[in-house]
PDB file of N, CA and C in Angstrom:
ATOM      1  N   MET A   1     -18.089 190.161 111.429  1.00  0.00           N
ATOM      2  CA  MET A   1     -17.615 190.002 110.067  1.00  0.00           C
ATOM      3  C   MET A   1     -18.613 189.120 109.316  1.00  0.00           C
ATOM      4  N   ASP A   2     -18.917 189.487 108.088  1.00  0.00           N
ATOM      5  CA  ASP A   2     -19.911 188.695 107.377  1.00  0.00           C
ATOM      6  C   ASP A   2     -19.290 187.459 106.721  1.00  0.00           C
ATOM      7  N   LEU A   3     -20.138 186.526 106.393  1.00  0.00           N
ATOM      8  CA  LEU A   3     -19.715 185.235 105.859  1.00  0.00           C
ATOM      9  C   LEU A   3     -19.007 185.366 104.514  1.00  0.00           C
ATOM     10  N   LYS A   4     -19.430 186.296 103.668  1.00  0.00           N
ATOM     11  CA  LYS A   4     -18.788 186.461 102.360  1.00  0.00           C
ATOM     12  C   LYS A   4     -17.334 186.898 102.513  1.00  0.00           C
ATOM     13  N   LEU A   5     -17.080 187.809 103.422  1.00  0.00           N
ATOM     14  CA  LEU A   5     -15.712 188.261 103.644  1.00  0.00           C
ATOM     15  C   LEU A   5     -14.858 187.137 104.214  1.00  0.00           C
ATOM     16  N   GLN A   6     -15.409 186.366 105.122  1.00  0.00           N
ATOM     17  CA  GLN A   6     -14.674 185.234 105.684  1.00  0.00           C
ATOM     18  C   GLN A   6     -14.353 184.209 104.599  1.00  0.00           C
ATOM     19  N   GLN A   7     -15.299 183.959 103.701  1.00  0.00           N
ATOM     20  CA  GLN A   7     -15.068 183.012 102.612  1.00  0.00           C
ATOM     21  C   GLN A   7     -13.994 183.534 101.663  1.00  0.00           C
ATOM     22  N   PHE A   8     -14.028 184.833 101.361  1.00  0.00           N
ATOM     23  CA  PHE A   8     -13.011 185.438 100.509  1.00  0.00           C
ATOM     24  C   PHE A   8     -11.622 185.252 101.121  1.00  0.00           C
ATOM     25  N   LYS A   9     -11.503 185.523 102.414  1.00  0.00           N
ATOM     26  CA  LYS A   9     -10.215 185.378 103.099  1.00  0.00           C
ATOM     27  C   LYS A   9      -9.738 183.930 103.072  1.00  0.00           C
ATOM     28  N   ALA A  10     -10.644 183.001 103.305  1.00  0.00           N
ATOM     29  CA  ALA A  10     -10.279 181.580 103.287  1.00  0.00           C
ATOM     30  C   ALA A  10      -9.805 181.163 101.903  1.00  0.00           C
ATOM     31  N   ASP A  11     -10.511 181.595 100.849  1.00  0.00           N
ATOM     32  CA  ASP A  11     -10.112 181.263  99.481  1.00  0.00           C
ATOM     33  C   ASP A  11      -8.766 181.880  99.129  1.00  0.00           C
ATOM     34  N   PHE A  12      -8.550 183.115  99.568  1.00  0.00           N
ATOM     35  CA  PHE A  12      -7.281 183.793  99.307  1.00  0.00           C
ATOM     36  C   PHE A  12      -6.130 183.037  99.958  1.00  0.00           C
ATOM     37  N   LEU A  13      -6.301 182.658 101.218  1.00  0.00           N
ATOM     38  CA  LEU A  13      -5.239 181.944 101.927  1.00  0.00           C
ATOM     39  C   LEU A  13      -5.003 180.556 101.343  1.00  0.00           C
ATOM     40  N   LYS A  14      -6.047 179.900 100.865  1.00  0.00           N
ATOM     41  CA  LYS A  14      -5.873 178.606 100.194  1.00  0.00           C
ATOM     42  C   LYS A  14      -5.027 178.764  98.941  1.00  0.00           C
ATOM     43  N   ALA A  15      -5.244 179.869  98.217  1.00  0.00           N
ATOM     44  CA  ALA A  15      -4.476 180.110  96.998  1.00  0.00           C
ATOM     45  C   ALA A  15      -2.993 180.288  97.301  1.00  0.00           C
ATOM     46  N   LEU A  16      -2.660 180.749  98.494  1.00  0.00           N
ATOM     47  CA  LEU A  16      -1.261 180.933  98.881  1.00  0.00           C
ATOM     48  C   LEU A  16      -0.644 179.667  99.480  1.00  0.00           C
ATOM     49  N   ALA A  17      -1.432 178.635  99.640  1.00  0.00           N
ATOM     50  CA  ALA A  17      -0.993 177.441 100.363  1.00  0.00           C
ATOM     51  C   ALA A  17      -0.215 176.456  99.492  1.00  0.00           C
ATOM     52  N   HIS A  18       0.687 176.967  98.677  1.00  0.00           N
ATOM     53  CA  HIS A  18       1.536 176.097  97.857  1.00  0.00           C
ATOM     54  C   HIS A  18       2.873 176.809  97.649  1.00  0.00           C
ATOM     55  N   PRO A  19       3.988 176.141  97.917  1.00  0.00           N
ATOM     56  CA  PRO A  19       5.299 176.795  97.816  1.00  0.00           C
ATOM     57  C   PRO A  19       5.585 177.382  96.432  1.00  0.00           C
ATOM     58  N   LEU A  20       5.165 176.704  95.363  1.00  0.00           N
ATOM     59  CA  LEU A  20       5.430 177.217  94.024  1.00  0.00           C
ATOM     60  C   LEU A  20       4.628 178.495  93.752  1.00  0.00           C
ATOM     61  N   ARG A  21       3.412 178.549  94.232  1.00  0.00           N
ATOM     62  CA  ARG A  21       2.609 179.769  94.059  1.00  0.00           C
ATOM     63  C   ARG A  21       3.231 180.934  94.824  1.00  0.00           C
ATOM     64  N   ILE A  22       3.731 180.678  96.010  1.00  0.00           N
ATOM     65  CA  ILE A  22       4.390 181.738  96.778  1.00  0.00           C
ATOM     66  C   ILE A  22       5.656 182.203  96.056  1.00  0.00           C
ATOM     67  N   ARG A  23       6.422 181.270  95.514  1.00  0.00           N
ATOM     68  CA  ARG A  23       7.644 181.637  94.766  1.00  0.00           C
ATOM     69  C   ARG A  23       7.292 182.489  93.548  1.00  0.00           C
ATOM     70  N   ILE A  24       6.239 182.123  92.835  1.00  0.00           N
ATOM     71  CA  ILE A  24       5.795 182.899  91.678  1.00  0.00           C
ATOM     72  C   ILE A  24       5.449 184.320  92.110  1.00  0.00           C
ATOM     73  N   LEU A  25       4.719 184.457  93.198  1.00  0.00           N
ATOM     74  CA  LEU A  25       4.340 185.782  93.683  1.00  0.00           C
ATOM     75  C   LEU A  25       5.572 186.591  94.092  1.00  0.00           C
ATOM     76  N   GLU A  26       6.540 185.932  94.713  1.00  0.00           N
ATOM     77  CA  GLU A  26       7.772 186.627  95.090  1.00  0.00           C
ATOM     78  C   GLU A  26       8.487 187.161  93.845  1.00  0.00           C
ATOM     79  N   LEU A  27       8.545 186.353  92.805  1.00  0.00           N
ATOM     80  CA  LEU A  27       9.205 186.785  91.570  1.00  0.00           C
ATOM     81  C   LEU A  27       8.425 187.902  90.887  1.00  0.00           C
ATOM     82  N   LEU A  28       7.102 187.810  90.909  1.00  0.00           N
ATOM     83  CA  LEU A  28       6.284 188.860  90.299  1.00  0.00           C
ATOM     84  C   LEU A  28       6.350 190.157  91.095  1.00  0.00           C
ATOM     85  N   SER A  29       6.712 190.072  92.355  1.00  0.00           N
ATOM     86  CA  SER A  29       6.843 191.299  93.147  1.00  0.00           C
ATOM     87  C   SER A  29       8.021 192.143  92.651  1.00  0.00           C
ATOM     88  N   ASP A  30       8.953 191.519  91.919  1.00  0.00           N
ATOM     89  CA  ASP A  30      10.080 192.235  91.321  1.00  0.00           C
ATOM     90  C   ASP A  30       9.739 192.813  89.952  1.00  0.00           C
ATOM     91  N   GLY A  31       8.565 192.460  89.414  1.00  0.00           N
ATOM     92  CA  GLY A  31       8.154 192.973  88.103  1.00  0.00           C
ATOM     93  C   GLY A  31       7.418 191.916  87.301  1.00  0.00           C
ATOM     94  N   ASP A  32       6.758 192.365  86.258  1.00  0.00           N
ATOM     95  CA  ASP A  32       5.966 191.486  85.401  1.00  0.00           C
ATOM     96  C   ASP A  32       6.858 190.464  84.700  1.00  0.00           C
ATOM     97  N   LYS A  33       6.313 189.254  84.516  1.00  0.00           N
ATOM     98  CA  LYS A  33       7.059 188.185  83.858  1.00  0.00           C
ATOM     99  C   LYS A  33       6.105 187.277  83.109  1.00  0.00           C
ATOM    100  N   ASN A  34       6.609 186.632  82.046  1.00  0.00           N
ATOM    101  CA  ASN A  34       5.815 185.618  81.359  1.00  0.00           C
ATOM    102  C   ASN A  34       6.236 184.231  81.860  1.00  0.00           C
ATOM    103  N   VAL A  35       5.557 183.214  81.379  1.00  0.00           N
ATOM    104  CA  VAL A  35       5.813 181.843  81.859  1.00  0.00           C
ATOM    105  C   VAL A  35       7.259 181.429  81.596  1.00  0.00           C
ATOM    106  N   ASN A  36       7.779 181.768  80.412  1.00  0.00           N
ATOM    107  CA  ASN A  36       9.161 181.379  80.098  1.00  0.00           C
ATOM    108  C   ASN A  36      10.161 182.029  81.049  1.00  0.00           C
ATOM    109  N   GLU A  37       9.945 183.283  81.388  1.00  0.00           N
ATOM    110  CA  GLU A  37      10.828 183.962  82.335  1.00  0.00           C
ATOM    111  C   GLU A  37      10.739 183.318  83.710  1.00  0.00           C
ATOM    112  N   LEU A  38       9.518 183.015  84.150  1.00  0.00           N
ATOM    113  CA  LEU A  38       9.346 182.366  85.444  1.00  0.00           C
ATOM    114  C   LEU A  38       9.992 180.992  85.448  1.00  0.00           C
ATOM    115  N   GLN A  39       9.835 180.261  84.360  1.00  0.00           N
ATOM    116  CA  GLN A  39      10.427 178.929  84.267  1.00  0.00           C
ATOM    117  C   GLN A  39      11.949 179.017  84.350  1.00  0.00           C
ATOM    118  N   GLY A  40      12.539 180.010  83.698  1.00  0.00           N
ATOM    119  CA  GLY A  40      13.992 180.186  83.756  1.00  0.00           C
ATOM    120  C   GLY A  40      14.487 180.496  85.156  1.00  0.00           C
ATOM    121  N   LEU A  41      13.689 181.232  85.915  1.00  0.00           N
ATOM    122  CA  LEU A  41      14.078 181.602  87.277  1.00  0.00           C
ATOM    123  C   LEU A  41      13.821 180.491  88.287  1.00  0.00           C
ATOM    124  N   ILE A  42      12.744 179.742  88.060  1.00  0.00           N
ATOM    125  CA  ILE A  42      12.343 178.703  89.010  1.00  0.00           C
ATOM    126  C   ILE A  42      12.917 177.348  88.626  1.00  0.00           C
ATOM    127  N   GLY A  43      12.979 177.079  87.336  1.00  0.00           N
ATOM    128  CA  GLY A  43      13.311 175.744  86.861  1.00  0.00           C
ATOM    129  C   GLY A  43      12.034 174.920  86.825  1.00  0.00           C
ATOM    130  N   GLY A  44      12.139 173.681  86.463  1.00  0.00           N
ATOM    131  CA  GLY A  44      10.956 172.832  86.424  1.00  0.00           C
ATOM    132  C   GLY A  44      10.168 172.988  85.143  1.00  0.00           C
ATOM    133  N   GLU A  45       9.000 172.411  85.142  1.00  0.00           N
ATOM    134  CA  GLU A  45       8.144 172.377  83.960  1.00  0.00           C
ATOM    135  C   GLU A  45       7.339 173.654  83.803  1.00  0.00           C
ATOM    136  N   GLY A  46       7.249 174.126  82.571  1.00  0.00           N
ATOM    137  CA  GLY A  46       6.418 175.282  82.277  1.00  0.00           C
ATOM    138  C   GLY A  46       4.955 175.008  82.527  1.00  0.00           C
ATOM    139  N   SER A  47       4.544 173.750  82.319  1.00  0.00           N
ATOM    140  CA  SER A  47       3.137 173.400  82.538  1.00  0.00           C
ATOM    141  C   SER A  47       2.766 173.512  84.016  1.00  0.00           C
ATOM    142  N   ALA A  48       3.690 173.181  84.904  1.00  0.00           N
ATOM    143  CA  ALA A  48       3.421 173.298  86.344  1.00  0.00           C
ATOM    144  C   ALA A  48       3.276 174.764  86.735  1.00  0.00           C
ATOM    145  N   ILE A  49       4.109 175.611  86.155  1.00  0.00           N
ATOM    146  CA  ILE A  49       4.027 177.041  86.435  1.00  0.00           C
ATOM    147  C   ILE A  49       2.724 177.605  85.891  1.00  0.00           C
ATOM    148  N   SER A  50       2.367 177.207  84.684  1.00  0.00           N
ATOM    149  CA  SER A  50       1.099 177.661  84.088  1.00  0.00           C
ATOM    150  C   SER A  50      -0.093 177.232  84.928  1.00  0.00           C
ATOM    151  N   GLN A  51      -0.042 176.022  85.447  1.00  0.00           N
ATOM    152  CA  GLN A  51      -1.124 175.503  86.283  1.00  0.00           C
ATOM    153  C   GLN A  51      -1.270 176.342  87.552  1.00  0.00           C
ATOM    154  N   GLN A  52      -0.153 176.683  88.174  1.00  0.00           N
ATOM    155  CA  GLN A  52      -0.212 177.484  89.397  1.00  0.00           C
ATOM    156  C   GLN A  52      -0.652 178.916  89.094  1.00  0.00           C
ATOM    157  N   LEU A  53      -0.228 179.455  87.956  1.00  0.00           N
ATOM    158  CA  LEU A  53      -0.677 180.787  87.554  1.00  0.00           C
ATOM    159  C   LEU A  53      -2.179 180.812  87.321  1.00  0.00           C
ATOM    160  N   ALA A  54      -2.721 179.731  86.765  1.00  0.00           N
ATOM    161  CA  ALA A  54      -4.170 179.655  86.536  1.00  0.00           C
ATOM    162  C   ALA A  54      -4.923 179.725  87.864  1.00  0.00           C
ATOM    163  N   ILE A  55      -4.409 179.075  88.880  1.00  0.00           N
ATOM    164  CA  ILE A  55      -5.039 179.132  90.205  1.00  0.00           C
ATOM    165  C   ILE A  55      -4.971 180.550  90.755  1.00  0.00           C
ATOM    166  N   LEU A  56      -3.809 181.180  90.635  1.00  0.00           N
ATOM    167  CA  LEU A  56      -3.655 182.547  91.129  1.00  0.00           C
ATOM    168  C   LEU A  56      -4.553 183.524  90.360  1.00  0.00           C
ATOM    169  N   ARG A  57      -4.732 183.290  89.071  1.00  0.00           N
ATOM    170  CA  ARG A  57      -5.634 184.130  88.275  1.00  0.00           C
ATOM    171  C   ARG A  57      -7.076 183.925  88.695  1.00  0.00           C
ATOM    172  N   SER A  58      -7.452 182.673  88.946  1.00  0.00           N
ATOM    173  CA  SER A  58      -8.841 182.386  89.315  1.00  0.00           C
ATOM    174  C   SER A  58      -9.226 183.023  90.647  1.00  0.00           C
ATOM    175  N   LYS A  59      -8.237 183.284  91.488  1.00  0.00           N
ATOM    176  CA  LYS A  59      -8.480 183.922  92.782  1.00  0.00           C
ATOM    177  C   LYS A  59      -8.205 185.426  92.739  1.00  0.00           C
ATOM    178  N   ASN A  60      -7.986 185.953  91.515  1.00  0.00           N
ATOM    179  CA  ASN A  60      -7.753 187.388  91.308  1.00  0.00           C
ATOM    180  C   ASN A  60      -6.534 187.912  92.056  1.00  0.00           C
ATOM    181  N   ILE A  61      -5.511 187.079  92.161  1.00  0.00           N
ATOM    182  CA  ILE A  61      -4.274 187.489  92.815  1.00  0.00           C
ATOM    183  C   ILE A  61      -3.280 188.026  91.789  1.00  0.00           C
ATOM    184  N   VAL A  62      -3.270 187.410  90.606  1.00  0.00           N
ATOM    185  CA  VAL A  62      -2.457 187.901  89.499  1.00  0.00           C
ATOM    186  C   VAL A  62      -3.361 188.184  88.308  1.00  0.00           C
ATOM    187  N   VAL A  63      -2.836 188.972  87.401  1.00  0.00           N
ATOM    188  CA  VAL A  63      -3.559 189.294  86.171  1.00  0.00           C
ATOM    189  C   VAL A  63      -2.620 189.018  85.003  1.00  0.00           C
ATOM    190  N   GLY A  64      -3.177 188.484  83.919  1.00  0.00           N
ATOM    191  CA  GLY A  64      -2.392 188.202  82.723  1.00  0.00           C
ATOM    192  C   GLY A  64      -2.757 189.166  81.611  1.00  0.00           C
ATOM    193  N   THR A  65      -1.739 189.674  80.922  1.00  0.00           N
ATOM    194  CA  THR A  65      -1.934 190.580  79.803  1.00  0.00           C
ATOM    195  C   THR A  65      -1.291 189.963  78.573  1.00  0.00           C
ATOM    196  N   LYS A  66      -2.096 189.759  77.532  1.00  0.00           N
ATOM    197  CA  LYS A  66      -1.590 189.127  76.317  1.00  0.00           C
ATOM    198  C   LYS A  66      -0.808 190.137  75.493  1.00  0.00           C
ATOM    199  N   MET A  67       0.420 189.740  75.146  1.00  0.00           N
ATOM    200  CA  MET A  67       1.281 190.557  74.284  1.00  0.00           C
ATOM    201  C   MET A  67       1.789 189.656  73.171  1.00  0.00           C
ATOM    202  N   GLY A  68       1.204 189.777  71.998  1.00  0.00           N
ATOM    203  CA  GLY A  68       1.559 188.878  70.901  1.00  0.00           C
ATOM    204  C   GLY A  68       1.112 187.473  71.246  1.00  0.00           C
ATOM    205  N   ASN A  69       2.052 186.537  71.232  1.00  0.00           N
ATOM    206  CA  ASN A  69       1.700 185.152  71.561  1.00  0.00           C
ATOM    207  C   ASN A  69       2.064 184.784  73.005  1.00  0.00           C
ATOM    208  N   ARG A  70       2.425 185.777  73.808  1.00  0.00           N
ATOM    209  CA  ARG A  70       2.783 185.531  75.214  1.00  0.00           C
ATOM    210  C   ARG A  70       1.852 186.273  76.148  1.00  0.00           C
ATOM    211  N   VAL A  71       1.713 185.718  77.336  1.00  0.00           N
ATOM    212  CA  VAL A  71       0.941 186.373  78.387  1.00  0.00           C
ATOM    213  C   VAL A  71       1.924 186.801  79.465  1.00  0.00           C
ATOM    214  N   THR A  72       1.876 188.065  79.802  1.00  0.00           N
ATOM    215  CA  THR A  72       2.718 188.600  80.867  1.00  0.00           C
ATOM    216  C   THR A  72       1.877 188.728  82.129  1.00  0.00           C
ATOM    217  N   TYR A  73       2.408 188.213  83.229  1.00  0.00           N
ATOM    218  CA  TYR A  73       1.677 188.194  84.490  1.00  0.00           C
ATOM    219  C   TYR A  73       2.200 189.267  85.433  1.00  0.00           C
ATOM    220  N   SER A  74       1.277 189.816  86.198  1.00  0.00           N
ATOM    221  CA  SER A  74       1.631 190.807  87.210  1.00  0.00           C
ATOM    222  C   SER A  74       0.723 190.624  88.419  1.00  0.00           C
ATOM    223  N   LEU A  75       1.152 191.182  89.535  1.00  0.00           N
ATOM    224  CA  LEU A  75       0.334 191.141  90.744  1.00  0.00           C
ATOM    225  C   LEU A  75      -0.849 192.085  90.567  1.00  0.00           C
ATOM    226  N   ARG A  76      -2.013 191.654  90.977  1.00  0.00           N
ATOM    227  CA  ARG A  76      -3.195 192.498  90.873  1.00  0.00           C
ATOM    228  C   ARG A  76      -3.121 193.668  91.857  1.00  0.00           C
ATOM    229  N   ASP A  77      -2.528 193.433  93.012  1.00  0.00           N
ATOM    230  CA  ASP A  77      -2.474 194.462  94.050  1.00  0.00           C
ATOM    231  C   ASP A  77      -1.084 194.455  94.682  1.00  0.00           C
ATOM    232  N   SER A  78      -0.468 195.601  94.777  1.00  0.00           N
ATOM    233  CA  SER A  78       0.879 195.686  95.344  1.00  0.00           C
ATOM    234  C   SER A  78       0.916 195.340  96.832  1.00  0.00           C
ATOM    235  N   MET A  79      -0.222 195.329  97.489  1.00  0.00           N
ATOM    236  CA  MET A  79      -0.249 194.965  98.920  1.00  0.00           C
ATOM    237  C   MET A  79       0.127 193.502  99.133  1.00  0.00           C
ATOM    238  N   ILE A  80       0.061 192.700  98.078  1.00  0.00           N
ATOM    239  CA  ILE A  80       0.474 191.299  98.176  1.00  0.00           C
ATOM    240  C   ILE A  80       1.953 191.232  98.532  1.00  0.00           C
ATOM    241  N   VAL A  81       2.739 192.175  98.012  1.00  0.00           N
ATOM    242  CA  VAL A  81       4.175 192.219  98.332  1.00  0.00           C
ATOM    243  C   VAL A  81       4.355 192.389  99.832  1.00  0.00           C
ATOM    244  N   GLU A  82       3.592 193.262 100.425  1.00  0.00           N
ATOM    245  CA  GLU A  82       3.676 193.489 101.872  1.00  0.00           C
ATOM    246  C   GLU A  82       3.311 192.214 102.636  1.00  0.00           C
ATOM    247  N   LEU A  83       2.265 191.553 102.186  1.00  0.00           N
ATOM    248  CA  LEU A  83       1.840 190.313 102.835  1.00  0.00           C
ATOM    249  C   LEU A  83       2.951 189.268 102.792  1.00  0.00           C
ATOM    250  N   LEU A  84       3.645 189.169 101.662  1.00  0.00           N
ATOM    251  CA  LEU A  84       4.700 188.174 101.505  1.00  0.00           C
ATOM    252  C   LEU A  84       5.935 188.470 102.350  1.00  0.00           C
ATOM    253  N   THR A  85       6.128 189.731 102.719  1.00  0.00           N
ATOM    254  CA  THR A  85       7.308 190.083 103.517  1.00  0.00           C
ATOM    255  C   THR A  85       7.088 189.902 105.007  1.00  0.00           C
ATOM    256  N   VAL A  86       5.847 189.675 105.413  1.00  0.00           N
ATOM    257  CA  VAL A  86       5.562 189.433 106.827  1.00  0.00           C
ATOM    258  C   VAL A  86       6.055 188.040 107.191  1.00  0.00           C
ATOM    259  N   THR A  87       6.840 187.945 108.264  1.00  0.00           N
ATOM    260  CA  THR A  87       7.343 186.639 108.671  1.00  0.00           C
ATOM    261  C   THR A  87       6.825 186.256 110.025  1.00  0.00           C
TER     262      THR A  87
END
């Protein structure tokens, strides 16, 4: 296995290494949501959710689509749902 692929895998797993990020991904597996919707489902501060979404976006795990003055987030790849269901 080459070093670039190993680095990609390590970065991907680091991005999943936070309970709030995993919860966000679980909620997005049910469908696209904006920050306000996620905040209503999770509770807590919207800024904390936005911060975690920024990390997930930087690792290309989620994608944001601007609709008016809101950004709707979705999973970049549906295989993430499968990964999250593995116990």
